[in-house]
Amino acid sequence: MTTQHDDFAEFVHATGRRIHFAALMLCGDHHLAEDLTQTTYAKVYVRWAQVSVMQSPLAYTHTVLTHTFMSHRRLRRSSEQPVEQLPDRAEDSPDQVVRLDLVAALRQLSPRDRAVVVLRYWEDLSVERTAELLGIRQDACRGRAARALGRLRDLMPSLDDQLAPPNKRAQS
């Protein structure tokens, strides 16, 4: 017979990488992403008896993660400053470079715009669900998504070229 603790541990094991990566996409910092992930799971664990019987515990966990991120941004608790270059870095592959560029570009968006982009396009949530999670209207969510994607295209023109369909690339 499994206990609630065992059920929760199994849930974390099954969803941990996905939640951590969503946190990383939201905040753009590995250490902060770990803190957000840990805080999110701590909040979910406290309510695990109710969460475990929900239709989608993962969706609830994403909601908690998003709210935790937004609260962190509002409170600006972190006084850590990122450094431009880490010591003893391994050589970057092209995918790693694009990913780092994307994370850097996401950091330049407002926290709410970043949350819209991550939830809509990384987590593949609907406009309705994204708006619900962020507590905004659906038309505001669509508008934020369009403006944020436009800003990302301005910040990363090389990524826009890579993502364009082959027939569009030939015309450029």
Foldseek 3Di string as FASTA:
>chain_A
DDDLVRVLVVVCVVCVVVQLVLLCLLAVDNVVSVVLSVVLSVVCSVVSVVLVPDPDSPLVSVLSSLVSSVVCVVVVPDPDDDDPDDPPDDDDDPVRVVVNLSSVLLNPDDSLLSQLCSVCPVVVDDLVSSCVSVVHDSVVSVVSPVVSVVSSCVSCVVVVLVPDPPVVNVVD
